[in-house]
PDB file of N, CA and C in Angstrom:
ATOM      1  N   MET A   1     104.189  37.679  78.330  1.00  0.00           N
ATOM      2  CA  MET A   1     105.472  38.198  77.915  1.00  0.00           C
ATOM      3  C   MET A   1     105.604  39.639  78.406  1.00  0.00           C
ATOM      4  N   ASN A   2     106.708  39.946  79.057  1.00  0.00           N
ATOM      5  CA  ASN A   2     106.997  41.284  79.530  1.00  0.00           C
ATOM      6  C   ASN A   2     108.133  41.847  78.694  1.00  0.00           C
ATOM      7  N   LEU A   3     107.781  42.500  77.598  1.00  0.00           N
ATOM      8  CA  LEU A   3     108.784  43.008  76.664  1.00  0.00           C
ATOM      9  C   LEU A   3     109.712  43.999  77.344  1.00  0.00           C
ATOM     10  N   PHE A   4     109.157  44.880  78.179  1.00  0.00           N
ATOM     11  CA  PHE A   4     109.972  45.861  78.884  1.00  0.00           C
ATOM     12  C   PHE A   4     111.058  45.162  79.699  1.00  0.00           C
ATOM     13  N   GLY A   5     110.650  44.191  80.495  1.00  0.00           N
ATOM     14  CA  GLY A   5     111.605  43.469  81.340  1.00  0.00           C
ATOM     15  C   GLY A   5     112.630  42.699  80.539  1.00  0.00           C
ATOM     16  N   ASP A   6     112.191  42.072  79.460  1.00  0.00           N
ATOM     17  CA  ASP A   6     113.104  41.307  78.609  1.00  0.00           C
ATOM     18  C   ASP A   6     114.181  42.198  77.999  1.00  0.00           C
ATOM     19  N   VAL A   7     113.760  43.328  77.440  1.00  0.00           N
ATOM     20  CA  VAL A   7     114.716  44.235  76.799  1.00  0.00           C
ATOM     21  C   VAL A   7     115.654  44.847  77.828  1.00  0.00           C
ATOM     22  N   PHE A   8     115.109  45.252  78.971  1.00  0.00           N
ATOM     23  CA  PHE A   8     115.937  45.844  80.014  1.00  0.00           C
ATOM     24  C   PHE A   8     116.981  44.846  80.499  1.00  0.00           C
ATOM     25  N   ASP A   9     116.570  43.604  80.740  1.00  0.00           N
ATOM     26  CA  ASP A   9     117.505  42.574  81.189  1.00  0.00           C
ATOM     27  C   ASP A   9     118.574  42.292  80.140  1.00  0.00           C
ATOM     28  N   GLU A  10     118.170  42.210  78.889  1.00  0.00           N
ATOM     29  CA  GLU A  10     119.126  41.934  77.819  1.00  0.00           C
ATOM     30  C   GLU A  10     120.128  43.079  77.681  1.00  0.00           C
ATOM     31  N   LEU A  11     119.651  44.302  77.774  1.00  0.00           N
ATOM     32  CA  LEU A  11     120.537  45.454  77.691  1.00  0.00           C
ATOM     33  C   LEU A  11     121.541  45.440  78.840  1.00  0.00           C
ATOM     34  N   ASN A  12     121.076  45.142  80.038  1.00  0.00           N
ATOM     35  CA  ASN A  12     121.979  45.068  81.193  1.00  0.00           C
ATOM     36  C   ASN A  12     122.998  43.946  81.036  1.00  0.00           C
ATOM     37  N   GLU A  13     122.582  42.826  80.464  1.00  0.00           N
ATOM     38  CA  GLU A  13     123.515  41.724  80.228  1.00  0.00           C
ATOM     39  C   GLU A  13     124.621  42.138  79.257  1.00  0.00           C
ATOM     40  N   ILE A  14     124.255  42.861  78.204  1.00  0.00           N
ATOM     41  CA  ILE A  14     125.242  43.316  77.220  1.00  0.00           C
ATOM     42  C   ILE A  14     126.263  44.249  77.879  1.00  0.00           C
ATOM     43  N   VAL A  15     125.783  45.209  78.656  1.00  0.00           N
ATOM     44  CA  VAL A  15     126.672  46.158  79.316  1.00  0.00           C
ATOM     45  C   VAL A  15     127.552  45.440  80.339  1.00  0.00           C
ATOM     46  N   THR A  16     126.957  44.549  81.121  1.00  0.00           N
ATOM     47  CA  THR A  16     127.712  43.812  82.132  1.00  0.00           C
ATOM     48  C   THR A  16     128.783  42.941  81.494  1.00  0.00           C
ATOM     49  N   LYS A  17     128.443  42.270  80.399  1.00  0.00           N
ATOM     50  CA  LYS A  17     129.410  41.415  79.711  1.00  0.00           C
ATOM     51  C   LYS A  17     130.572  42.244  79.182  1.00  0.00           C
ATOM     52  N   ALA A  18     130.275  43.400  78.614  1.00  0.00           N
ATOM     53  CA  ALA A  18     131.334  44.270  78.106  1.00  0.00           C
ATOM     54  C   ALA A  18     132.260  44.709  79.237  1.00  0.00           C
ATOM     55  N   GLU A  19     131.683  45.089  80.368  1.00  0.00           N
ATOM     56  CA  GLU A  19     132.495  45.499  81.519  1.00  0.00           C
ATOM     57  C   GLU A  19     133.326  44.343  82.048  1.00  0.00           C
ATOM     58  N   ARG A  20     132.720  43.163  82.106  1.00  0.00           N
ATOM     59  CA  ARG A  20     133.428  41.977  82.617  1.00  0.00           C
ATOM     60  C   ARG A  20     134.592  41.594  81.700  1.00  0.00           C
ATOM     61  N   ASP A  21     134.393  41.780  80.391  1.00  0.00           N
ATOM     62  CA  ASP A  21     135.433  41.443  79.421  1.00  0.00           C
ATOM     63  C   ASP A  21     136.475  42.548  79.282  1.00  0.00           C
ATOM     64  N   GLY A  22     136.303  43.625  80.037  1.00  0.00           N
ATOM     65  CA  GLY A  22     137.258  44.727  79.978  1.00  0.00           C
ATOM     66  C   GLY A  22     137.094  45.611  78.759  1.00  0.00           C
ATOM     67  N   VAL A  23     135.943  45.517  78.118  1.00  0.00           N
ATOM     68  CA  VAL A  23     135.668  46.339  76.937  1.00  0.00           C
ATOM     69  C   VAL A  23     134.970  47.609  77.403  1.00  0.00           C
ATOM     70  N   GLU A  24     135.531  48.746  77.013  1.00  0.00           N
ATOM     71  CA  GLU A  24     134.915  50.010  77.387  1.00  0.00           C
ATOM     72  C   GLU A  24     134.013  50.470  76.251  1.00  0.00           C
ATOM     73  N   LEU A  25     132.755  50.743  76.585  1.00  0.00           N
ATOM     74  CA  LEU A  25     131.815  51.212  75.570  1.00  0.00           C
ATOM     75  C   LEU A  25     132.212  52.601  75.100  1.00  0.00           C
ATOM     76  N   THR A  26     132.060  52.849  73.807  1.00  0.00           N
ATOM     77  CA  THR A  26     132.335  54.178  73.267  1.00  0.00           C
ATOM     78  C   THR A  26     131.264  55.146  73.750  1.00  0.00           C
ATOM     79  N   ILE A  27     131.521  56.419  73.580  1.00  0.00           N
ATOM     80  CA  ILE A  27     130.535  57.436  73.963  1.00  0.00           C
ATOM     81  C   ILE A  27     129.223  57.206  73.216  1.00  0.00           C
ATOM     82  N   ASP A  28     129.319  56.891  71.919  1.00  0.00           N
ATOM     83  CA  ASP A  28     128.101  56.632  71.141  1.00  0.00           C
ATOM     84  C   ASP A  28     127.327  55.442  71.694  1.00  0.00           C
ATOM     85  N   GLN A  29     128.029  54.397  72.095  1.00  0.00           N
ATOM     86  CA  GLN A  29     127.364  53.220  72.653  1.00  0.00           C
ATOM     87  C   GLN A  29     126.742  53.542  74.008  1.00  0.00           C
ATOM     88  N   GLN A  30     127.439  54.313  74.825  1.00  0.00           N
ATOM     89  CA  GLN A  30     126.894  54.709  76.126  1.00  0.00           C
ATOM     90  C   GLN A  30     125.635  55.561  75.949  1.00  0.00           C
ATOM     91  N   LEU A  31     125.682  56.473  74.969  1.00  0.00           N
ATOM     92  CA  LEU A  31     124.501  57.300  74.697  1.00  0.00           C
ATOM     93  C   LEU A  31     123.332  56.451  74.213  1.00  0.00           C
ATOM     94  N   LYS A  32     123.594  55.459  73.399  1.00  0.00           N
ATOM     95  CA  LYS A  32     122.530  54.588  72.892  1.00  0.00           C
ATOM     96  C   LYS A  32     121.909  53.792  74.042  1.00  0.00           C
ATOM     97  N   VAL A  33     122.737  53.297  74.953  1.00  0.00           N
ATOM     98  CA  VAL A  33     122.218  52.574  76.121  1.00  0.00           C
ATOM     99  C   VAL A  33     121.309  53.496  76.935  1.00  0.00           C
ATOM    100  N   THR A  34     121.770  54.720  77.146  1.00  0.00           N
ATOM    101  CA  THR A  34     120.969  55.689  77.897  1.00  0.00           C
ATOM    102  C   THR A  34     119.669  56.001  77.175  1.00  0.00           C
ATOM    103  N   GLU A  35     119.739  56.143  75.861  1.00  0.00           N
ATOM    104  CA  GLU A  35     118.541  56.418  75.061  1.00  0.00           C
ATOM    105  C   GLU A  35     117.528  55.280  75.174  1.00  0.00           C
ATOM    106  N   ILE A  36     118.002  54.061  75.075  1.00  0.00           N
ATOM    107  CA  ILE A  36     117.106  52.901  75.158  1.00  0.00           C
ATOM    108  C   ILE A  36     116.468  52.824  76.537  1.00  0.00           C
ATOM    109  N   ARG A  37     117.253  53.056  77.589  1.00  0.00           N
ATOM    110  CA  ARG A  37     116.701  53.028  78.945  1.00  0.00           C
ATOM    111  C   ARG A  37     115.643  54.115  79.118  1.00  0.00           C
ATOM    112  N   ALA A  38     115.886  55.292  78.556  1.00  0.00           N
ATOM    113  CA  ALA A  38     114.905  56.378  78.652  1.00  0.00           C
ATOM    114  C   ALA A  38     113.622  56.011  77.916  1.00  0.00           C
ATOM    115  N   LEU A  39     113.756  55.440  76.724  1.00  0.00           N
ATOM    116  CA  LEU A  39     112.572  55.038  75.965  1.00  0.00           C
ATOM    117  C   LEU A  39     111.791  53.945  76.687  1.00  0.00           C
ATOM    118  N   LEU A  40     112.500  53.018  77.319  1.00  0.00           N
ATOM    119  CA  LEU A  40     111.818  51.976  78.086  1.00  0.00           C
ATOM    120  C   LEU A  40     111.060  52.580  79.262  1.00  0.00           C
ATOM    121  N   SER A  41     111.666  53.540  79.925  1.00  0.00           N
ATOM    122  CA  SER A  41     111.013  54.203  81.044  1.00  0.00           C
ATOM    123  C   SER A  41     109.759  54.943  80.588  1.00  0.00           C
ATOM    124  N   ILE A  42     109.872  55.657  79.468  1.00  0.00           N
ATOM    125  CA  ILE A  42     108.722  56.377  78.925  1.00  0.00           C
ATOM    126  C   ILE A  42     107.611  55.406  78.539  1.00  0.00           C
ATOM    127  N   SER A  43     107.981  54.298  77.910  1.00  0.00           N
ATOM    128  CA  SER A  43     106.956  53.334  77.494  1.00  0.00           C
ATOM    129  C   SER A  43     106.257  52.709  78.696  1.00  0.00           C
ATOM    130  N   GLN A  44     107.004  52.489  79.761  1.00  0.00           N
ATOM    131  CA  GLN A  44     106.402  51.935  80.973  1.00  0.00           C
ATOM    132  C   GLN A  44     105.410  52.934  81.574  1.00  0.00           C
ATOM    133  N   GLU A  45     105.772  54.212  81.608  1.00  0.00           N
ATOM    134  CA  GLU A  45     104.865  55.238  82.126  1.00  0.00           C
ATOM    135  C   GLU A  45     103.612  55.365  81.264  1.00  0.00           C
ATOM    136  N   LEU A  46     103.787  55.364  79.948  1.00  0.00           N
ATOM    137  CA  LEU A  46     102.630  55.460  79.053  1.00  0.00           C
ATOM    138  C   LEU A  46     101.711  54.253  79.190  1.00  0.00           C
ATOM    139  N   SER A  47     102.285  53.090  79.401  1.00  0.00           N
ATOM    140  CA  SER A  47     101.481  51.894  79.603  1.00  0.00           C
ATOM    141  C   SER A  47     100.650  52.022  80.874  1.00  0.00           C
ATOM    142  N   GLY A  48     101.280  52.540  81.934  1.00  0.00           N
ATOM    143  CA  GLY A  48     100.554  52.747  83.181  1.00  0.00           C
ATOM    144  C   GLY A  48      99.408  53.728  83.022  1.00  0.00           C
ATOM    145  N   ILE A  49      99.656  54.806  82.267  1.00  0.00           N
ATOM    146  CA  ILE A  49      98.605  55.790  82.009  1.00  0.00           C
ATOM    147  C   ILE A  49      97.483  55.151  81.196  1.00  0.00           C
ATOM    148  N   HIS A  50      97.847  54.348  80.225  1.00  0.00           N
ATOM    149  CA  HIS A  50      96.845  53.688  79.386  1.00  0.00           C
ATOM    150  C   HIS A  50      95.938  52.780  80.225  1.00  0.00           C
ATOM    151  N   HIS A  51      96.529  52.052  81.154  1.00  0.00           N
ATOM    152  CA  HIS A  51      95.761  51.086  81.937  1.00  0.00           C
ATOM    153  C   HIS A  51      95.085  51.695  83.161  1.00  0.00           C
ATOM    154  N   ASN A  52      95.700  52.712  83.770  1.00  0.00           N
ATOM    155  CA  ASN A  52      95.201  53.229  85.037  1.00  0.00           C
ATOM    156  C   ASN A  52      94.709  54.666  84.988  1.00  0.00           C
ATOM    157  N   GLY A  53      94.907  55.335  83.884  1.00  0.00           N
ATOM    158  CA  GLY A  53      94.563  56.753  83.800  1.00  0.00           C
ATOM    159  C   GLY A  53      95.725  57.600  84.278  1.00  0.00           C
ATOM    160  N   ILE A  54      95.573  58.910  84.136  1.00  0.00           N
ATOM    161  CA  ILE A  54      96.664  59.814  84.472  1.00  0.00           C
ATOM    162  C   ILE A  54      96.888  59.868  85.981  1.00  0.00           C
ATOM    163  N   ASN A  55      95.836  59.893  86.766  1.00  0.00           N
ATOM    164  CA  ASN A  55      95.975  59.949  88.222  1.00  0.00           C
ATOM    165  C   ASN A  55      94.964  58.986  88.838  1.00  0.00           C
ATOM    166  N   PRO A  56      95.285  57.707  88.896  1.00  0.00           N
ATOM    167  CA  PRO A  56      94.301  56.711  89.354  1.00  0.00           C
ATOM    168  C   PRO A  56      93.925  56.854  90.832  1.00  0.00           C
ATOM    169  N   LYS A  57      94.749  57.523  91.639  1.00  0.00           N
ATOM    170  CA  LYS A  57      94.452  57.657  93.065  1.00  0.00           C
ATOM    171  C   LYS A  57      93.498  58.838  93.343  1.00  0.00           C
ATOM    172  N   TYR A  58      93.341  59.701  92.360  1.00  0.00           N
ATOM    173  CA  TYR A  58      92.479  60.867  92.523  1.00  0.00           C
ATOM    174  C   TYR A  58      91.025  60.488  92.290  1.00  0.00           C
ATOM    175  N   ASP A  59      90.169  60.854  93.233  1.00  0.00           N
ATOM    176  CA  ASP A  59      88.733  60.613  93.081  1.00  0.00           C
ATOM    177  C   ASP A  59      88.040  61.967  93.037  1.00  0.00           C
ATOM    178  N   SER A  60      87.459  62.287  91.888  1.00  0.00           N
ATOM    179  CA  SER A  60      86.821  63.594  91.721  1.00  0.00           C
ATOM    180  C   SER A  60      85.505  63.732  92.491  1.00  0.00           C
ATOM    181  N   GLY A  61      85.006  62.647  93.015  1.00  0.00           N
ATOM    182  CA  GLY A  61      83.760  62.684  93.764  1.00  0.00           C
ATOM    183  C   GLY A  61      82.516  62.636  92.906  1.00  0.00           C
ATOM    184  N   ASN A  62      82.675  62.473  91.631  1.00  0.00           N
ATOM    185  CA  ASN A  62      81.516  62.412  90.722  1.00  0.00           C
ATOM    186  C   ASN A  62      80.869  61.060  90.727  1.00  0.00           C
TER     187      ASN A  62
END
């Protein structure tokens, strides 16, 4: 299960459906969409750090 991908896809579907139906999102709704996308991006970065370290391409030579 890829929770990040599932949530991102579902969020995009909601926004796309609203646009297709001619519904304009309020400023609060637009901000919430942006907030969720930012949190998803942060969680993806933290997951990468958790699994690969902060700089996996760097070799200290030790």
